[in-house]
N, C-alpha and C. Protein backbone atom coordinates (compact mmCIF):
# COMPACT_ATOMS: atom_id res chain seq x y z
N MET A 1 36.15 -48.81 35.17
CA MET A 1 35.07 -48.14 34.49
C MET A 1 35.16 -46.65 34.71
N GLY A 2 35.43 -45.96 33.65
CA GLY A 2 35.54 -44.51 33.74
C GLY A 2 34.18 -43.85 33.53
N LEU A 3 34.07 -42.64 34.02
CA LEU A 3 32.84 -41.88 33.82
C LEU A 3 32.84 -41.28 32.43
N LYS A 4 31.75 -41.46 31.75
CA LYS A 4 31.64 -40.89 30.41
C LYS A 4 31.07 -39.49 30.53
N SER A 5 31.66 -38.57 29.81
CA SER A 5 31.14 -37.20 29.86
C SER A 5 30.00 -37.06 28.85
N LYS A 6 28.99 -36.32 29.26
CA LYS A 6 27.84 -36.11 28.39
C LYS A 6 28.18 -35.00 27.40
N PRO A 7 27.63 -35.09 26.20
CA PRO A 7 27.86 -33.99 25.26
C PRO A 7 27.15 -32.72 25.75
N ASP A 8 27.74 -31.59 25.42
CA ASP A 8 27.19 -30.32 25.88
C ASP A 8 25.84 -30.00 25.22
N PHE A 9 25.67 -30.42 23.99
CA PHE A 9 24.46 -30.05 23.27
C PHE A 9 23.81 -31.29 22.70
N LYS A 10 22.51 -31.37 22.89
CA LYS A 10 21.75 -32.46 22.30
C LYS A 10 20.82 -31.87 21.24
N PHE A 11 20.77 -32.50 20.12
CA PHE A 11 19.86 -32.06 19.08
C PHE A 11 18.43 -32.31 19.54
N PRO A 12 17.55 -31.31 19.42
CA PRO A 12 16.18 -31.50 19.90
C PRO A 12 15.43 -32.50 19.02
N MET A 13 15.00 -33.55 19.63
CA MET A 13 14.30 -34.60 18.90
C MET A 13 12.79 -34.49 19.06
N HIS A 14 12.35 -33.70 20.01
CA HIS A 14 10.92 -33.62 20.29
C HIS A 14 10.37 -32.29 19.80
N ASP A 15 9.18 -32.30 19.29
CA ASP A 15 8.41 -31.11 18.97
C ASP A 15 9.08 -30.16 17.97
N THR A 16 9.94 -30.65 17.10
CA THR A 16 10.56 -29.74 16.13
C THR A 16 9.51 -29.20 15.15
N HIS A 17 8.59 -30.05 14.74
CA HIS A 17 7.53 -29.58 13.83
C HIS A 17 6.66 -28.55 14.53
N LEU A 18 6.34 -28.78 15.79
CA LEU A 18 5.53 -27.84 16.55
C LEU A 18 6.22 -26.49 16.67
N HIS A 19 7.50 -26.49 16.99
CA HIS A 19 8.23 -25.23 17.16
C HIS A 19 8.34 -24.47 15.83
N LYS A 20 8.59 -25.19 14.74
CA LYS A 20 8.65 -24.53 13.44
C LYS A 20 7.29 -23.95 13.05
N SER A 21 6.24 -24.69 13.34
CA SER A 21 4.89 -24.21 13.02
C SER A 21 4.53 -22.98 13.84
N LEU A 22 4.88 -22.99 15.11
CA LEU A 22 4.60 -21.83 15.97
C LEU A 22 5.41 -20.62 15.53
N ARG A 23 6.67 -20.83 15.13
CA ARG A 23 7.48 -19.72 14.64
C ARG A 23 6.88 -19.15 13.35
N ASN A 24 6.46 -20.02 12.45
CA ASN A 24 5.83 -19.55 11.21
C ASN A 24 4.53 -18.80 11.50
N LEU A 25 3.79 -19.26 12.49
CA LEU A 25 2.55 -18.58 12.87
C LEU A 25 2.83 -17.20 13.44
N ARG A 26 3.86 -17.08 14.26
CA ARG A 26 4.23 -15.78 14.81
C ARG A 26 4.66 -14.82 13.70
N VAL A 27 5.47 -15.30 12.78
CA VAL A 27 5.92 -14.45 11.67
C VAL A 27 4.73 -14.02 10.81
N ALA A 28 3.81 -14.93 10.55
CA ALA A 28 2.64 -14.59 9.75
C ALA A 28 1.78 -13.55 10.44
N CYS A 29 1.61 -13.67 11.75
CA CYS A 29 0.80 -12.69 12.50
C CYS A 29 1.46 -11.32 12.49
N VAL A 30 2.77 -11.28 12.67
CA VAL A 30 3.48 -9.99 12.67
C VAL A 30 3.38 -9.35 11.29
N LEU A 31 3.58 -10.12 10.25
CA LEU A 31 3.49 -9.57 8.90
C LEU A 31 2.07 -9.13 8.56
N ALA A 32 1.08 -9.85 9.08
CA ALA A 32 -0.31 -9.46 8.84
C ALA A 32 -0.65 -8.15 9.54
N LEU A 33 0.04 -7.84 10.61
CA LEU A 33 -0.18 -6.57 11.30
C LEU A 33 0.62 -5.43 10.67
N ILE A 34 1.81 -5.73 10.18
CA ILE A 34 2.69 -4.69 9.65
C ILE A 34 2.33 -4.30 8.22
N ALA A 35 1.90 -5.25 7.41
CA ALA A 35 1.65 -4.99 5.99
C ALA A 35 0.59 -3.90 5.75
N PRO A 36 -0.55 -3.92 6.43
CA PRO A 36 -1.52 -2.84 6.18
C PRO A 36 -1.02 -1.47 6.63
N VAL A 37 -0.23 -1.44 7.69
CA VAL A 37 0.32 -0.16 8.15
C VAL A 37 1.28 0.39 7.10
N CYS A 38 2.14 -0.46 6.57
CA CYS A 38 3.08 -0.02 5.52
C CYS A 38 2.33 0.41 4.26
N LEU A 39 1.28 -0.30 3.90
CA LEU A 39 0.49 0.08 2.73
C LEU A 39 -0.13 1.45 2.92
N TYR A 40 -0.67 1.71 4.11
CA TYR A 40 -1.29 3.01 4.35
C TYR A 40 -0.25 4.12 4.33
N VAL A 41 0.87 3.90 5.02
CA VAL A 41 1.88 4.96 5.15
C VAL A 41 2.55 5.27 3.82
N PHE A 42 2.89 4.24 3.06
CA PHE A 42 3.68 4.45 1.84
C PHE A 42 2.86 4.57 0.57
N HIS A 43 1.58 4.18 0.60
CA HIS A 43 0.78 4.25 -0.62
C HIS A 43 -0.43 5.17 -0.46
N ASN A 44 -1.26 4.89 0.54
CA ASN A 44 -2.52 5.62 0.65
C ASN A 44 -2.35 7.05 1.14
N ALA A 45 -1.51 7.29 2.12
CA ALA A 45 -1.35 8.65 2.66
C ALA A 45 -0.80 9.62 1.61
N PRO A 46 0.26 9.27 0.86
CA PRO A 46 0.71 10.19 -0.19
C PRO A 46 -0.35 10.40 -1.28
N ARG A 47 -1.11 9.37 -1.58
CA ARG A 47 -2.15 9.50 -2.59
C ARG A 47 -3.24 10.46 -2.12
N LYS A 48 -3.62 10.35 -0.85
CA LYS A 48 -4.62 11.26 -0.30
C LYS A 48 -4.11 12.70 -0.33
N ALA A 49 -2.83 12.88 -0.03
CA ALA A 49 -2.26 14.24 -0.05
C ALA A 49 -2.26 14.81 -1.47
N LYS A 50 -1.96 13.97 -2.46
CA LYS A 50 -1.98 14.44 -3.85
C LYS A 50 -3.39 14.84 -4.28
N TYR A 51 -4.38 14.03 -3.91
CA TYR A 51 -5.77 14.38 -4.23
C TYR A 51 -6.17 15.68 -3.54
N LYS A 52 -5.74 15.85 -2.29
CA LYS A 52 -6.10 17.06 -1.55
C LYS A 52 -5.53 18.30 -2.23
N THR A 53 -4.28 18.25 -2.64
CA THR A 53 -3.68 19.41 -3.30
C THR A 53 -4.30 19.64 -4.68
N PHE A 54 -4.62 18.57 -5.39
CA PHE A 54 -5.21 18.73 -6.72
C PHE A 54 -6.58 19.39 -6.63
N TYR A 55 -7.43 18.89 -5.75
CA TYR A 55 -8.79 19.42 -5.68
C TYR A 55 -8.87 20.75 -4.95
N SER A 56 -7.85 21.12 -4.20
CA SER A 56 -7.86 22.45 -3.60
C SER A 56 -7.57 23.53 -4.65
N GLN A 57 -6.89 23.15 -5.74
CA GLN A 57 -6.55 24.11 -6.79
C GLN A 57 -7.38 23.90 -8.06
N TYR A 58 -8.31 22.95 -8.06
CA TYR A 58 -9.06 22.58 -9.26
C TYR A 58 -10.17 23.58 -9.54
N ASP A 59 -10.26 24.02 -10.78
CA ASP A 59 -11.33 24.91 -11.22
C ASP A 59 -12.13 24.19 -12.30
N PRO A 60 -13.33 23.71 -11.99
CA PRO A 60 -14.08 22.92 -12.98
C PRO A 60 -14.50 23.73 -14.19
N MET A 61 -14.78 25.00 -14.02
CA MET A 61 -15.18 25.81 -15.18
C MET A 61 -14.02 26.02 -16.15
N ASP A 62 -12.82 26.17 -15.61
CA ASP A 62 -11.64 26.31 -16.47
C ASP A 62 -11.42 25.02 -17.26
N ALA A 63 -11.57 23.87 -16.58
CA ALA A 63 -11.41 22.59 -17.27
C ALA A 63 -12.49 22.41 -18.34
N PHE A 64 -13.71 22.82 -18.03
CA PHE A 64 -14.81 22.72 -19.01
C PHE A 64 -14.52 23.59 -20.23
N GLU A 65 -14.02 24.79 -20.00
CA GLU A 65 -13.71 25.68 -21.12
C GLU A 65 -12.56 25.14 -21.97
N ARG A 66 -11.58 24.51 -21.34
CA ARG A 66 -10.49 23.89 -22.11
C ARG A 66 -11.01 22.74 -22.96
N MET A 67 -11.90 21.92 -22.41
CA MET A 67 -12.46 20.81 -23.18
C MET A 67 -13.34 21.33 -24.31
N MET A 68 -14.09 22.40 -24.04
CA MET A 68 -14.97 22.96 -25.05
C MET A 68 -14.16 23.59 -26.19
N SER A 69 -13.11 24.33 -25.85
CA SER A 69 -12.30 24.97 -26.90
C SER A 69 -11.46 23.96 -27.67
N GLY A 70 -11.17 22.83 -27.07
CA GLY A 70 -10.40 21.80 -27.76
C GLY A 70 -11.23 20.92 -28.66
N GLY A 71 -12.56 21.04 -28.57
CA GLY A 71 -13.42 20.23 -29.43
C GLY A 71 -13.69 18.84 -28.88
N TYR A 72 -13.52 18.63 -27.60
CA TYR A 72 -13.74 17.31 -27.01
C TYR A 72 -15.20 17.05 -26.69
N LEU A 73 -16.03 18.08 -26.63
CA LEU A 73 -17.44 17.92 -26.29
C LEU A 73 -18.27 18.03 -27.55
N SER A 74 -19.04 16.99 -27.86
CA SER A 74 -19.85 17.01 -29.08
C SER A 74 -21.02 17.98 -28.96
N SER A 75 -21.47 18.24 -27.74
CA SER A 75 -22.60 19.16 -27.57
C SER A 75 -22.17 20.62 -27.65
N CYS A 76 -20.88 20.88 -27.55
CA CYS A 76 -20.35 22.25 -27.62
C CYS A 76 -19.25 22.29 -28.66
N PRO A 77 -19.56 22.67 -29.90
CA PRO A 77 -18.52 22.74 -30.93
C PRO A 77 -17.49 23.81 -30.58
N PRO A 78 -16.27 23.70 -31.12
CA PRO A 78 -15.24 24.69 -30.82
C PRO A 78 -15.68 26.09 -31.22
N GLY A 79 -15.42 27.04 -30.34
CA GLY A 79 -15.75 28.43 -30.62
C GLY A 79 -17.15 28.83 -30.21
N SER A 80 -17.92 27.90 -29.63
CA SER A 80 -19.30 28.25 -29.24
C SER A 80 -19.39 28.72 -27.80
N GLY A 81 -18.30 28.73 -27.09
CA GLY A 81 -18.33 29.11 -25.68
C GLY A 81 -18.40 30.61 -25.49
N ALA A 82 -18.49 30.99 -24.23
CA ALA A 82 -18.54 32.42 -23.89
C ALA A 82 -17.20 33.06 -24.18
N LYS A 83 -17.23 34.23 -24.72
CA LYS A 83 -15.99 34.96 -25.04
C LYS A 83 -15.51 35.71 -23.81
N LYS A 84 -14.22 35.67 -23.59
CA LYS A 84 -13.65 36.37 -22.44
C LYS A 84 -13.19 37.73 -22.83
């Protein structure tokens, strides 16, 4: 009777569903933490910067005069504005 050698690797028969579920849970938690950060950095922060630059240079009276001279305002017909 010779000694039988054991195989080096045994396929895991226990808790495979548990391990897969825990791995999926870890991945979901990491993605739930990373996704809002990426959304803020790549979408919201550039948008806020664009709004900041736009409103720092915005002149509402100039925009009103352009709308008035273009005939977009029914209460102010074209040519009724103040003359420069």
